[in-house]
Amino acid sequence: MATSPNTKPVATAAAAASATAQAELKLCLDGTPMPDPMPTSVTLTESYGFYDDEGGGNFWSATQVVTDPADVLILVERKAPISYQLPASEPAA
């Protein structure tokens, strides 16, 4: 039986799909999955801060509302003490 050069064995295709799914899964620094969709803003429930690898400080005050996407990502990744509401999903058509 001849096979097309474009045909992949099922096991290889499944492994590739699994690897792609794992690569797309974003994780927090502690290995837990990040929320999907990502919140557009977060509110700090306690003061939070850390020094990065270059020695720069990153600090936020309790009750501060953070809307900068890069800062939101950092706070979620680091499991900072935050509260948030995910954007409402659009109703099904």
PDB file of N, CA and C in Angstrom:
ATOM      1  N   MET A   1       0.847  -1.169   0.000  1.00  0.00           N
ATOM      2  CA  MET A   1       0.000   0.000   0.000  1.00  0.00           C
ATOM      3  C   MET A   1       0.893   1.232   0.000  1.00  0.00           C
ATOM      4  N   ALA A   2       0.692   2.124  -0.956  1.00  0.00           N
ATOM      5  CA  ALA A   2       1.480   3.341  -1.062  1.00  0.00           C
ATOM      6  C   ALA A   2       0.853   4.431  -0.204  1.00  0.00           C
ATOM      7  N   THR A   3       1.716   5.269   0.378  1.00  0.00           N
ATOM      8  CA  THR A   3       1.208   6.392   1.161  1.00  0.00           C
ATOM      9  C   THR A   3       1.717   7.690   0.554  1.00  0.00           C
ATOM     10  N   SER A   4       0.966   8.709   0.713  1.00  0.00           N
ATOM     11  CA  SER A   4       1.343  10.030   0.218  1.00  0.00           C
ATOM     12  C   SER A   4       2.438  10.600   1.110  1.00  0.00           C
ATOM     13  N   PRO A   5       3.382  11.350   0.536  1.00  0.00           N
ATOM     14  CA  PRO A   5       4.419  11.946   1.382  1.00  0.00           C
ATOM     15  C   PRO A   5       3.843  12.961   2.370  1.00  0.00           C
ATOM     16  N   ASN A   6       2.618  13.429   2.147  1.00  0.00           N
ATOM     17  CA  ASN A   6       1.991  14.394   3.050  1.00  0.00           C
ATOM     18  C   ASN A   6       1.204  13.734   4.176  1.00  0.00           C
ATOM     19  N   THR A   7       1.136  12.414   4.175  1.00  0.00           N
ATOM     20  CA  THR A   7       0.375  11.693   5.186  1.00  0.00           C
ATOM     21  C   THR A   7       1.264  11.411   6.380  1.00  0.00           C
ATOM     22  N   LYS A   8       0.764  11.755   7.570  1.00  0.00           N
ATOM     23  CA  LYS A   8       1.500  11.483   8.798  1.00  0.00           C
ATOM     24  C   LYS A   8       0.808  10.339   9.525  1.00  0.00           C
ATOM     25  N   PRO A   9       1.577   9.466  10.155  1.00  0.00           N
ATOM     26  CA  PRO A   9       0.950   8.431  10.970  1.00  0.00           C
ATOM     27  C   PRO A   9       0.109   9.083  12.065  1.00  0.00           C
ATOM     28  N   VAL A  10      -0.954   8.413  12.474  1.00  0.00           N
ATOM     29  CA  VAL A  10      -1.872   8.969  13.473  1.00  0.00           C
ATOM     30  C   VAL A  10      -1.140   9.291  14.771  1.00  0.00           C
ATOM     31  N   ALA A  11      -0.265   8.416  15.228  1.00  0.00           N
ATOM     32  CA  ALA A  11       0.443   8.648  16.484  1.00  0.00           C
ATOM     33  C   ALA A  11       1.284   9.914  16.399  1.00  0.00           C
ATOM     34  N   THR A  12       1.943  10.150  15.278  1.00  0.00           N
ATOM     35  CA  THR A  12       2.773  11.333  15.121  1.00  0.00           C
ATOM     36  C   THR A  12       1.910  12.588  15.112  1.00  0.00           C
ATOM     37  N   ALA A  13       0.782  12.545  14.413  1.00  0.00           N
ATOM     38  CA  ALA A  13      -0.120  13.687  14.361  1.00  0.00           C
ATOM     39  C   ALA A  13      -0.680  13.995  15.745  1.00  0.00           C
ATOM     40  N   ALA A  14      -1.039  12.954  16.495  1.00  0.00           N
ATOM     41  CA  ALA A  14      -1.570  13.155  17.837  1.00  0.00           C
ATOM     42  C   ALA A  14      -0.508  13.744  18.762  1.00  0.00           C
ATOM     43  N   ALA A  15       0.720  13.254  18.648  1.00  0.00           N
ATOM     44  CA  ALA A  15       1.807  13.784  19.470  1.00  0.00           C
ATOM     45  C   ALA A  15       2.069  15.243  19.136  1.00  0.00           C
ATOM     46  N   ALA A  16       2.027  15.586  17.853  1.00  0.00           N
ATOM     47  CA  ALA A  16       2.244  16.979  17.437  1.00  0.00           C
ATOM     48  C   ALA A  16       1.132  17.870  17.967  1.00  0.00           C
ATOM     49  N   ALA A  17      -0.113  17.406  17.916  1.00  0.00           N
ATOM     50  CA  ALA A  17      -1.241  18.185  18.424  1.00  0.00           C
ATOM     51  C   ALA A  17      -1.125  18.391  19.929  1.00  0.00           C
ATOM     52  N   SER A  18      -0.698  17.345  20.640  1.00  0.00           N
ATOM     53  CA  SER A  18      -0.528  17.445  22.082  1.00  0.00           C
ATOM     54  C   SER A  18       0.573  18.439  22.431  1.00  0.00           C
ATOM     55  N   ALA A  19       1.680  18.389  21.702  1.00  0.00           N
ATOM     56  CA  ALA A  19       2.790  19.313  21.939  1.00  0.00           C
ATOM     57  C   ALA A  19       2.353  20.746  21.666  1.00  0.00           C
ATOM     58  N   THR A  20       1.564  20.958  20.620  1.00  0.00           N
ATOM     59  CA  THR A  20       1.082  22.292  20.297  1.00  0.00           C
ATOM     60  C   THR A  20       0.155  22.793  21.400  1.00  0.00           C
ATOM     61  N   ALA A  21      -0.732  21.950  21.884  1.00  0.00           N
ATOM     62  CA  ALA A  21      -1.652  22.348  22.950  1.00  0.00           C
ATOM     63  C   ALA A  21      -0.898  22.712  24.219  1.00  0.00           C
ATOM     64  N   GLN A  22       0.141  21.936  24.546  1.00  0.00           N
ATOM     65  CA  GLN A  22       0.931  22.241  25.732  1.00  0.00           C
ATOM     66  C   GLN A  22       1.707  23.529  25.558  1.00  0.00           C
ATOM     67  N   ALA A  23       2.203  23.802  24.357  1.00  0.00           N
ATOM     68  CA  ALA A  23       2.949  25.033  24.113  1.00  0.00           C
ATOM     69  C   ALA A  23       2.037  26.238  24.222  1.00  0.00           C
ATOM     70  N   GLU A  24       0.755  26.093  23.848  1.00  0.00           N
ATOM     71  CA  GLU A  24      -0.184  27.200  23.903  1.00  0.00           C
ATOM     72  C   GLU A  24      -0.711  27.443  25.312  1.00  0.00           C
ATOM     73  N   LEU A  25      -0.628  26.460  26.204  1.00  0.00           N
ATOM     74  CA  LEU A  25      -1.097  26.601  27.569  1.00  0.00           C
ATOM     75  C   LEU A  25      -0.136  27.497  28.331  1.00  0.00           C
ATOM     76  N   LYS A  26      -0.631  28.622  28.821  1.00  0.00           N
ATOM     77  CA  LYS A  26       0.210  29.546  29.561  1.00  0.00           C
ATOM     78  C   LYS A  26       0.103  29.223  31.037  1.00  0.00           C
ATOM     79  N   LEU A  27       1.241  29.199  31.708  1.00  0.00           N
ATOM     80  CA  LEU A  27       1.283  28.833  33.108  1.00  0.00           C
ATOM     81  C   LEU A  27       1.791  29.974  33.963  1.00  0.00           C
ATOM     82  N   CYS A  28       1.301  30.025  35.200  1.00  0.00           N
ATOM     83  CA  CYS A  28       1.831  30.950  36.186  1.00  0.00           C
ATOM     84  C   CYS A  28       3.209  30.450  36.605  1.00  0.00           C
ATOM     85  N   LEU A  29       3.923  31.271  37.338  1.00  0.00           N
ATOM     86  CA  LEU A  29       5.271  30.876  37.763  1.00  0.00           C
ATOM     87  C   LEU A  29       5.265  29.627  38.633  1.00  0.00           C
ATOM     88  N   ASP A  30       4.153  29.361  39.329  1.00  0.00           N
ATOM     89  CA  ASP A  30       4.098  28.164  40.160  1.00  0.00           C
ATOM     90  C   ASP A  30       3.593  26.939  39.400  1.00  0.00           C
ATOM     91  N   GLY A  31       3.361  27.084  38.070  1.00  0.00           N
ATOM     92  CA  GLY A  31       2.970  25.955  37.244  1.00  0.00           C
ATOM     93  C   GLY A  31       1.472  25.774  37.075  1.00  0.00           C
ATOM     94  N   THR A  32       0.660  26.586  37.735  1.00  0.00           N
ATOM     95  CA  THR A  32      -0.785  26.478  37.576  1.00  0.00           C
ATOM     96  C   THR A  32      -1.223  27.220  36.313  1.00  0.00           C
ATOM     97  N   PRO A  33      -2.309  26.789  35.680  1.00  0.00           N
ATOM     98  CA  PRO A  33      -2.757  27.450  34.443  1.00  0.00           C
ATOM     99  C   PRO A  33      -3.195  28.891  34.694  1.00  0.00           C
ATOM    100  N   MET A  34      -2.916  29.749  33.732  1.00  0.00           N
ATOM    101  CA  MET A  34      -3.353  31.138  33.807  1.00  0.00           C
ATOM    102  C   MET A  34      -4.810  31.220  33.383  1.00  0.00           C
ATOM    103  N   PRO A  35      -5.530  32.246  33.867  1.00  0.00           N
ATOM    104  CA  PRO A  35      -6.934  32.370  33.478  1.00  0.00           C
ATOM    105  C   PRO A  35      -7.071  32.615  31.983  1.00  0.00           C
ATOM    106  N   ASP A  36      -8.135  32.089  31.417  1.00  0.00           N
ATOM    107  CA  ASP A  36      -8.395  32.302  29.996  1.00  0.00           C
ATOM    108  C   ASP A  36      -9.872  32.621  29.850  1.00  0.00           C
ATOM    109  N   PRO A  37     -10.249  33.793  29.441  1.00  0.00           N
ATOM    110  CA  PRO A  37      -9.391  34.860  28.947  1.00  0.00           C
ATOM    111  C   PRO A  37      -8.712  35.604  30.084  1.00  0.00           C
ATOM    112  N   MET A  38      -7.641  36.292  29.759  1.00  0.00           N
ATOM    113  CA  MET A  38      -6.883  37.068  30.737  1.00  0.00           C
ATOM    114  C   MET A  38      -7.705  38.292  31.146  1.00  0.00           C
ATOM    115  N   PRO A  39      -7.729  38.627  32.440  1.00  0.00           N
ATOM    116  CA  PRO A  39      -8.461  39.822  32.854  1.00  0.00           C
ATOM    117  C   PRO A  39      -7.847  41.078  32.243  1.00  0.00           C
ATOM    118  N   THR A  40      -8.673  42.086  32.003  1.00  0.00           N
ATOM    119  CA  THR A  40      -8.176  43.343  31.431  1.00  0.00           C
ATOM    120  C   THR A  40      -7.746  44.315  32.512  1.00  0.00           C
ATOM    121  N   SER A  41      -8.192  44.089  33.742  1.00  0.00           N
ATOM    122  CA  SER A  41      -7.746  44.903  34.873  1.00  0.00           C
ATOM    123  C   SER A  41      -7.822  44.051  36.132  1.00  0.00           C
ATOM    124  N   VAL A  42      -6.991  44.399  37.100  1.00  0.00           N
ATOM    125  CA  VAL A  42      -6.985  43.712  38.390  1.00  0.00           C
ATOM    126  C   VAL A  42      -6.904  44.766  39.491  1.00  0.00           C
ATOM    127  N   THR A  43      -7.381  44.396  40.665  1.00  0.00           N
ATOM    128  CA  THR A  43      -7.297  45.263  41.839  1.00  0.00           C
ATOM    129  C   THR A  43      -6.489  44.540  42.893  1.00  0.00           C
ATOM    130  N   LEU A  44      -5.470  45.185  43.422  1.00  0.00           N
ATOM    131  CA  LEU A  44      -4.641  44.583  44.462  1.00  0.00           C
ATOM    132  C   LEU A  44      -5.421  44.538  45.766  1.00  0.00           C
ATOM    133  N   THR A  45      -5.483  43.399  46.407  1.00  0.00           N
ATOM    134  CA  THR A  45      -6.165  43.270  47.695  1.00  0.00           C
ATOM    135  C   THR A  45      -5.215  43.552  48.854  1.00  0.00           C
ATOM    136  N   GLU A  46      -3.912  43.518  48.582  1.00  0.00           N
ATOM    137  CA  GLU A  46      -2.862  43.844  49.551  1.00  0.00           C
ATOM    138  C   GLU A  46      -1.739  44.506  48.776  1.00  0.00           C
ATOM    139  N   SER A  47      -0.877  45.227  49.480  1.00  0.00           N
ATOM    140  CA  SER A  47       0.306  45.770  48.808  1.00  0.00           C
ATOM    141  C   SER A  47       1.155  44.609  48.319  1.00  0.00           C
ATOM    142  N   TYR A  48       1.805  44.789  47.165  1.00  0.00           N
ATOM    143  CA  TYR A  48       2.605  43.713  46.582  1.00  0.00           C
ATOM    144  C   TYR A  48       3.773  44.317  45.825  1.00  0.00           C
ATOM    145  N   GLY A  49       4.910  43.658  45.883  1.00  0.00           N
ATOM    146  CA  GLY A  49       6.066  44.116  45.134  1.00  0.00           C
ATOM    147  C   GLY A  49       7.158  43.073  45.107  1.00  0.00           C
ATOM    148  N   PHE A  50       8.116  43.303  44.216  1.00  0.00           N
ATOM    149  CA  PHE A  50       9.266  42.409  44.097  1.00  0.00           C
ATOM    150  C   PHE A  50      10.371  43.145  43.358  1.00  0.00           C
ATOM    151  N   TYR A  51      11.591  42.648  43.501  1.00  0.00           N
ATOM    152  CA  TYR A  51      12.731  43.163  42.742  1.00  0.00           C
ATOM    153  C   TYR A  51      12.993  42.195  41.596  1.00  0.00           C
ATOM    154  N   ASP A  52      13.151  42.728  40.393  1.00  0.00           N
ATOM    155  CA  ASP A  52      13.418  41.866  39.242  1.00  0.00           C
ATOM    156  C   ASP A  52      14.894  41.501  39.192  1.00  0.00           C
ATOM    157  N   ASP A  53      15.280  40.721  38.190  1.00  0.00           N
ATOM    158  CA  ASP A  53      16.650  40.220  38.075  1.00  0.00           C
ATOM    159  C   ASP A  53      17.672  41.326  37.902  1.00  0.00           C
ATOM    160  N   GLU A  54      17.260  42.476  37.378  1.00  0.00           N
ATOM    161  CA  GLU A  54      18.174  43.596  37.189  1.00  0.00           C
ATOM    162  C   GLU A  54      18.230  44.507  38.409  1.00  0.00           C
ATOM    163  N   GLY A  55      17.477  44.180  39.460  1.00  0.00           N
ATOM    164  CA  GLY A  55      17.480  44.964  40.686  1.00  0.00           C
ATOM    165  C   GLY A  55      16.436  46.076  40.707  1.00  0.00           C
ATOM    166  N   GLY A  56      15.634  46.159  39.665  1.00  0.00           N
ATOM    167  CA  GLY A  56      14.580  47.172  39.637  1.00  0.00           C
ATOM    168  C   GLY A  56      13.392  46.731  40.478  1.00  0.00           C
ATOM    169  N   GLY A  57      12.779  47.682  41.142  1.00  0.00           N
ATOM    170  CA  GLY A  57      11.641  47.373  41.988  1.00  0.00           C
ATOM    171  C   GLY A  57      10.326  47.525  41.244  1.00  0.00           C
ATOM    172  N   ASN A  58       9.412  46.645  41.522  1.00  0.00           N
ATOM    173  CA  ASN A  58       8.056  46.684  40.981  1.00  0.00           C
ATOM    174  C   ASN A  58       7.115  46.602  42.168  1.00  0.00           C
ATOM    175  N   PHE A  59       6.354  47.680  42.417  1.00  0.00           N
ATOM    176  CA  PHE A  59       5.514  47.732  43.610  1.00  0.00           C
ATOM    177  C   PHE A  59       4.140  48.302  43.280  1.00  0.00           C
ATOM    178  N   TRP A  60       3.119  47.752  43.934  1.00  0.00           N
ATOM    179  CA  TRP A  60       1.745  48.203  43.776  1.00  0.00           C
ATOM    180  C   TRP A  60       1.132  48.325  45.161  1.00  0.00           C
ATOM    181  N   SER A  61       0.259  49.308  45.350  1.00  0.00           N
ATOM    182  CA  SER A  61      -0.409  49.549  46.633  1.00  0.00           C
ATOM    183  C   SER A  61      -1.705  48.759  46.737  1.00  0.00           C
ATOM    184  N   ALA A  62      -2.108  48.481  47.969  1.00  0.00           N
ATOM    185  CA  ALA A  62      -3.400  47.837  48.198  1.00  0.00           C
ATOM    186  C   ALA A  62      -4.496  48.722  47.622  1.00  0.00           C
ATOM    187  N   THR A  63      -5.480  48.119  47.022  1.00  0.00           N
ATOM    188  CA  THR A  63      -6.644  48.743  46.371  1.00  0.00           C
ATOM    189  C   THR A  63      -6.305  49.414  45.037  1.00  0.00           C
ATOM    190  N   GLN A  64      -5.048  49.352  44.602  1.00  0.00           N
ATOM    191  CA  GLN A  64      -4.674  49.949  43.313  1.00  0.00           C
ATOM    192  C   GLN A  64      -5.289  49.139  42.173  1.00  0.00           C
ATOM    193  N   VAL A  65      -5.879  49.827  41.205  1.00  0.00           N
ATOM    194  CA  VAL A  65      -6.437  49.189  40.023  1.00  0.00           C
ATOM    195  C   VAL A  65      -5.377  49.242  38.928  1.00  0.00           C
ATOM    196  N   VAL A  66      -5.015  48.088  38.391  1.00  0.00           N
ATOM    197  CA  VAL A  66      -3.972  47.986  37.377  1.00  0.00           C
ATOM    198  C   VAL A  66      -4.632  47.609  36.051  1.00  0.00           C
ATOM    199  N   THR A  67      -4.386  48.425  35.017  1.00  0.00           N
ATOM    200  CA  THR A  67      -4.989  48.164  33.703  1.00  0.00           C
ATOM    201  C   THR A  67      -3.949  47.937  32.611  1.00  0.00           C
ATOM    202  N   ASP A  68      -2.688  48.241  32.875  1.00  0.00           N
ATOM    203  CA  ASP A  68      -1.643  48.024  31.875  1.00  0.00           C
ATOM    204  C   ASP A  68      -1.517  46.513  31.633  1.00  0.00           C
ATOM    205  N   PRO A  69      -1.695  46.059  30.377  1.00  0.00           N
ATOM    206  CA  PRO A  69      -1.666  44.612  30.104  1.00  0.00           C
ATOM    207  C   PRO A  69      -0.389  43.913  30.573  1.00  0.00           C
ATOM    208  N   ALA A  70       0.758  44.570  30.453  1.00  0.00           N
ATOM    209  CA  ALA A  70       2.015  43.947  30.884  1.00  0.00           C
ATOM    210  C   ALA A  70       2.036  43.764  32.395  1.00  0.00           C
ATOM    211  N   ASP A  71       1.561  44.770  33.133  1.00  0.00           N
ATOM    212  CA  ASP A  71       1.518  44.662  34.591  1.00  0.00           C
ATOM    213  C   ASP A  71       0.485  43.630  35.041  1.00  0.00           C
ATOM    214  N   VAL A  72      -0.665  43.585  34.367  1.00  0.00           N
ATOM    215  CA  VAL A  72      -1.682  42.582  34.690  1.00  0.00           C
ATOM    216  C   VAL A  72      -1.090  41.184  34.519  1.00  0.00           C
ATOM    217  N   LEU A  73      -0.383  40.970  33.417  1.00  0.00           N
ATOM    218  CA  LEU A  73       0.244  39.672  33.167  1.00  0.00           C
ATOM    219  C   LEU A  73       1.237  39.319  34.269  1.00  0.00           C
ATOM    220  N   ILE A  74       2.081  40.265  34.652  1.00  0.00           N
ATOM    221  CA  ILE A  74       3.065  40.027  35.719  1.00  0.00           C
ATOM    222  C   ILE A  74       2.364  39.644  37.015  1.00  0.00           C
ATOM    223  N   LEU A  75       1.344  40.385  37.384  1.00  0.00           N
ATOM    224  CA  LEU A  75       0.647  40.127  38.646  1.00  0.00           C
ATOM    225  C   LEU A  75      -0.044  38.765  38.647  1.00  0.00           C
ATOM    226  N   VAL A  76      -0.647  38.402  37.524  1.00  0.00           N
ATOM    227  CA  VAL A  76      -1.302  37.093  37.438  1.00  0.00           C
ATOM    228  C   VAL A  76      -0.259  35.976  37.472  1.00  0.00           C
ATOM    229  N   GLU A  77       0.824  36.131  36.693  1.00  0.00           N
ATOM    230  CA  GLU A  77       1.880  35.114  36.668  1.00  0.00           C
ATOM    231  C   GLU A  77       2.468  34.864  38.050  1.00  0.00           C
ATOM    232  N   ARG A  78       2.610  35.921  38.815  1.00  0.00           N
ATOM    233  CA  ARG A  78       3.251  35.817  40.128  1.00  0.00           C
ATOM    234  C   ARG A  78       2.267  35.508  41.254  1.00  0.00           C
ATOM    235  N   LYS A  79       0.999  35.296  40.899  1.00  0.00           N
ATOM    236  CA  LYS A  79      -0.020  34.987  41.903  1.00  0.00           C
ATOM    237  C   LYS A  79      -0.075  36.063  42.984  1.00  0.00           C
ATOM    238  N   ALA A  80      -0.020  37.321  42.556  1.00  0.00           N
ATOM    239  CA  ALA A  80      -0.125  38.447  43.484  1.00  0.00           C
ATOM    240  C   ALA A  80      -1.515  38.448  44.116  1.00  0.00           C
ATOM    241  N   PRO A  81      -1.666  39.105  45.265  1.00  0.00           N
ATOM    242  CA  PRO A  81      -2.982  39.158  45.912  1.00  0.00           C
ATOM    243  C   PRO A  81      -3.905  40.121  45.151  1.00  0.00           C
ATOM    244  N   ILE A  82      -4.628  39.592  44.186  1.00  0.00           N
ATOM    245  CA  ILE A  82      -5.467  40.422  43.319  1.00  0.00           C
ATOM    246  C   ILE A  82      -6.893  39.886  43.272  1.00  0.00           C
ATOM    247  N   SER A  83      -7.787  40.752  42.857  1.00  0.00           N
ATOM    248  CA  SER A  83      -9.147  40.325  42.527  1.00  0.00           C
ATOM    249  C   SER A  83      -9.438  40.880  41.145  1.00  0.00           C
ATOM    250  N   TYR A  84     -10.295  40.180  40.411  1.00  0.00           N
ATOM    251  CA  TYR A  84     -10.632  40.622  39.059  1.00  0.00           C
ATOM    252  C   TYR A  84     -11.912  39.957  38.613  1.00  0.00           C
ATOM    253  N   GLN A  85     -12.491  40.543  37.575  1.00  0.00           N
ATOM    254  CA  GLN A  85     -13.636  39.941  36.921  1.00  0.00           C
ATOM    255  C   GLN A  85     -13.240  39.731  35.473  1.00  0.00           C
ATOM    256  N   LEU A  86     -13.514  38.543  34.963  1.00  0.00           N
ATOM    257  CA  LEU A  86     -13.228  38.274  33.561  1.00  0.00           C
ATOM    258  C   LEU A  86     -14.242  39.005  32.704  1.00  0.00           C
ATOM    259  N   PRO A  87     -13.837  39.414  31.496  1.00  0.00           N
ATOM    260  CA  PRO A  87     -14.795  40.073  30.612  1.00  0.00           C
ATOM    261  C   PRO A  87     -15.976  39.166  30.318  1.00  0.00           C
ATOM    262  N   ALA A  88     -17.145  39.767  30.217  1.00  0.00           N
ATOM    263  CA  ALA A  88     -18.350  38.987  29.913  1.00  0.00           C
ATOM    264  C   ALA A  88     -18.216  38.388  28.529  1.00  0.00           C
ATOM    265  N   SER A  89     -18.573  37.123  28.400  1.00  0.00           N
ATOM    266  CA  SER A  89     -18.515  36.491  27.086  1.00  0.00           C
ATOM    267  C   SER A  89     -19.707  36.955  26.274  1.00  0.00           C
ATOM    268  N   GLU A  90     -19.540  36.972  24.971  1.00  0.00           N
ATOM    269  CA  GLU A  90     -20.617  37.404  24.092  1.00  0.00           C
ATOM    270  C   GLU A  90     -21.666  36.308  24.006  1.00  0.00           C
ATOM    271  N   PRO A  91     -22.941  36.695  23.970  1.00  0.00           N
ATOM    272  CA  PRO A  91     -23.991  35.676  23.882  1.00  0.00           C
ATOM    273  C   PRO A  91     -23.917  34.910  22.575  1.00  0.00           C
ATOM    274  N   ALA A  92     -24.324  33.658  22.631  1.00  0.00           N
ATOM    275  CA  ALA A  92     -24.313  32.831  21.421  1.00  0.00           C
ATOM    276  C   ALA A  92     -25.332  33.357  20.427  1.00  0.00           C
ATOM    277  N   ALA A  93     -24.983  33.286  19.157  1.00  0.00           N
ATOM    278  CA  ALA A  93     -25.877  33.803  18.124  1.00  0.00           C
ATOM    279  C   ALA A  93     -27.027  32.874  17.872  1.00  0.00           C
TER     280      ALA A  93
END
